């Protein structure tokens, strides 16, 4: 209840509704910001006050978690690699429907995605015969293509790495 009251008191009720709707619609995991390079992300992180601790950011299409551990002293802000995208894409692979479009190259697919008047939300396209998820990160207005992982054969489990 305290968390909901905080959201309300901070004037973030609409953002929370949008966030919750994204979960219900199986949107990509929420991201706070997106960067082309790790250097850009690190520079951004060092300039943040306050630090968006535990927020997810995209760096070159990969998820990272912002960590701030001030109790360890100066220079403790970090971006740690996060497996959340892998889990999301595995889940979306299982839910994937038929592709809405077929392309020969990724460049063709990216052009198509950019030119859509309304960003597609979680649709499958094929690029050179391989499935991709065309998705939209609404908070940062980012359209992306994520390669979907290969489907695992039924009844087969991944090998134990030990």
Protein backbone atom coordinates (compact mmCIF):
# COMPACT_ATOMS: atom_id res chain seq x y z
CA UNK A 1 0.00 0.00 0.00
CA UNK A 2 2.87 2.37 0.76
CA UNK A 3 4.27 1.87 -2.75
CA UNK A 4 0.91 2.68 -4.35
CA UNK A 5 0.50 5.73 -2.13
CA UNK A 6 4.01 6.88 -3.10
CA UNK A 7 3.16 6.50 -6.81
CA UNK A 8 -0.01 8.53 -6.30
CA UNK A 9 1.68 11.21 -4.17
CA UNK A 10 4.50 11.65 -6.71
CA UNK A 11 1.99 12.21 -9.50
CA UNK A 12 3.03 9.02 -11.28
CA UNK A 13 -0.35 7.27 -11.42
CA UNK A 14 -0.66 7.53 -15.22
CA UNK A 15 2.89 6.26 -15.72
CA UNK A 16 2.10 3.33 -13.44
CA UNK A 17 -1.06 2.52 -15.44
CA UNK A 18 0.96 2.62 -18.66
CA UNK A 19 3.64 0.40 -17.08
CA UNK A 20 1.03 -2.12 -15.91
CA UNK A 21 -0.69 -2.13 -19.30
CA UNK A 22 2.67 -2.93 -20.90
CA UNK A 23 3.01 -5.98 -18.67
CA UNK A 24 -0.47 -7.17 -19.61
CA UNK A 25 0.29 -6.69 -23.33
CA UNK A 26 3.63 -8.54 -23.09
CA UNK A 27 5.65 -5.51 -24.14
CA UNK A 28 9.44 -5.78 -23.90
CA UNK A 29 10.78 -5.38 -20.37
CA UNK A 30 10.67 -1.73 -19.31
CA UNK A 31 13.77 0.36 -20.00
CA UNK A 32 14.72 3.72 -18.57
CA UNK A 33 17.03 4.77 -21.42
CA UNK A 34 18.81 3.47 -24.53
CA UNK A 35 22.36 4.02 -25.79
CA UNK A 36 24.29 3.05 -28.92
CA UNK A 37 27.56 2.39 -27.03
CA UNK A 38 28.76 1.40 -23.58
CA UNK A 39 30.80 4.64 -23.39
CA UNK A 40 27.62 6.71 -23.88
CA UNK A 41 25.81 4.68 -21.21
CA UNK A 42 28.67 5.00 -18.72
CA UNK A 43 28.89 8.78 -19.27
CA UNK A 44 25.12 9.07 -18.74
CA UNK A 45 25.29 6.97 -15.58
CA UNK A 46 28.04 9.10 -14.03
CA UNK A 47 25.99 12.27 -14.67
CA UNK A 48 22.78 11.00 -12.98
CA UNK A 49 21.63 12.57 -9.72
CA UNK A 50 19.91 10.72 -8.24
CA UNK A 51 21.01 7.44 -9.78
CA UNK A 52 18.06 5.40 -11.14
CA UNK A 53 19.20 2.41 -9.05
CA UNK A 54 18.00 -0.97 -10.35
CA UNK A 55 16.59 0.57 -13.55
CA UNK A 56 17.08 -1.28 -16.82
CA UNK A 57 18.81 0.38 -19.77
CA UNK A 58 19.57 -0.80 -23.28
CA UNK A 59 23.13 -0.62 -24.58
CA UNK A 60 23.52 -1.63 -28.22
CA UNK A 61 20.32 -3.68 -27.93
CA UNK A 62 21.37 -5.51 -24.74
CA UNK A 63 19.81 -5.05 -21.31
CA UNK A 64 21.82 -3.79 -18.36
CA UNK A 65 20.78 -3.04 -14.78
CA UNK A 66 21.89 0.19 -13.12
CA UNK A 67 23.52 -0.45 -9.76
CA UNK A 68 24.57 2.15 -7.22
CA UNK A 69 26.35 1.01 -4.07
CA UNK A 70 27.36 4.25 -2.30
CA UNK A 71 28.20 2.37 0.87
CA UNK A 72 31.28 1.03 -0.96
CA UNK A 73 32.62 4.53 -1.60
CA UNK A 74 33.18 6.67 -4.67
CA UNK A 75 32.96 5.10 -8.12
CA UNK A 76 30.47 2.38 -7.28
CA UNK A 77 27.97 3.05 -10.07
CA UNK A 78 27.82 0.15 -12.46
CA UNK A 79 25.91 -1.26 -15.41
CA UNK A 80 25.54 -5.00 -14.94
CA UNK A 81 24.51 -7.29 -17.78
CA UNK A 82 20.97 -8.57 -17.34
CA UNK A 83 19.45 -11.81 -18.69
CA UNK A 84 15.92 -10.36 -18.78
CA UNK A 85 15.85 -9.97 -22.58
CA UNK A 86 16.78 -13.64 -23.07
CA UNK A 87 13.89 -14.75 -20.86
CA UNK A 88 11.47 -12.35 -22.54
CA UNK A 89 12.42 -13.52 -26.04
CA UNK A 90 12.13 -17.19 -25.06
CA UNK A 91 8.65 -16.47 -23.74
CA UNK A 92 7.71 -14.51 -26.87
CA UNK A 93 9.05 -17.31 -29.08
CA UNK A 94 6.55 -19.66 -27.46
CA UNK A 95 3.73 -17.14 -27.99
CA UNK A 96 4.81 -16.09 -31.49
CA UNK A 97 2.20 -16.24 -34.16
CA UNK A 98 2.67 -16.32 -37.90
CA UNK A 99 5.00 -13.68 -39.32
CA UNK A 100 3.30 -10.48 -40.45
CA UNK A 101 6.02 -9.75 -43.02
CA UNK A 102 8.95 -11.45 -44.76
CA UNK A 103 12.23 -9.72 -45.63
CA UNK A 104 15.45 -10.74 -47.36
CA UNK A 105 17.69 -8.52 -45.21
CA UNK A 106 17.66 -6.95 -41.78
CA UNK A 107 18.00 -3.52 -43.40
CA UNK A 108 14.70 -4.09 -45.25
CA UNK A 109 13.02 -5.11 -41.99
CA UNK A 110 14.40 -2.08 -40.13
CA UNK A 111 13.18 0.24 -42.90
CA UNK A 112 9.72 -1.34 -42.73
CA UNK A 113 9.70 -0.97 -38.94
CA UNK A 114 10.70 2.72 -39.07
CA UNK A 115 8.07 3.50 -41.70
CA UNK A 116 5.11 2.07 -39.81
CA UNK A 117 2.82 4.97 -38.83
CA UNK A 118 1.89 3.18 -35.61
CA UNK A 119 4.75 1.17 -34.06
CA UNK A 120 3.93 -2.55 -34.11
CA UNK A 121 3.77 -4.12 -30.71
CA UNK A 122 5.32 -7.55 -30.48
CA UNK A 123 4.83 -8.92 -33.97
CA UNK A 124 6.94 -11.55 -35.64
CA UNK A 125 8.69 -10.93 -38.94
CA UNK A 126 11.06 -13.20 -40.82
CA UNK A 127 14.43 -11.98 -42.03
CA UNK A 128 16.16 -14.38 -44.39
CA UNK A 129 13.93 -17.17 -43.03
CA UNK A 130 14.72 -16.48 -39.37
CA UNK A 131 12.15 -15.16 -36.87
CA UNK A 132 12.54 -11.72 -35.32
CA UNK A 133 10.34 -9.88 -32.88
CA UNK A 134 9.46 -6.36 -34.02
CA UNK A 135 8.75 -4.54 -30.77
CA UNK A 136 8.26 -1.06 -29.40
CA UNK A 137 9.64 0.40 -26.17
CA UNK A 138 6.93 3.00 -25.61
CA UNK A 139 8.62 4.93 -22.79
CA UNK A 140 11.66 5.81 -24.89
CA UNK A 141 9.88 5.59 -28.27
CA UNK A 142 12.29 2.98 -29.61
CA UNK A 143 11.39 0.50 -32.35
CA UNK A 144 13.57 -2.62 -32.31
CA UNK A 145 14.10 -5.96 -34.00
CA UNK A 146 15.16 -8.76 -31.68
CA UNK A 147 16.18 -12.14 -33.11
CA UNK A 148 14.01 -14.83 -31.56
CA UNK A 149 15.83 -17.86 -30.13
CA UNK A 150 15.48 -21.23 -31.82
CA UNK A 151 12.59 -23.28 -30.53
CA UNK A 152 13.62 -26.18 -28.30
CA UNK A 153 12.39 -29.58 -29.41
CA UNK A 154 9.44 -30.75 -27.25
CA UNK A 155 10.46 -32.68 -24.17
CA UNK A 156 14.13 -31.76 -24.48
CA UNK A 157 15.82 -29.97 -21.65
CA UNK A 158 18.97 -27.90 -21.78
CA UNK A 159 22.10 -29.69 -20.68
CA UNK A 160 23.37 -29.04 -17.17
CA UNK A 161 26.63 -27.05 -17.60
CA UNK A 162 28.24 -28.73 -14.59
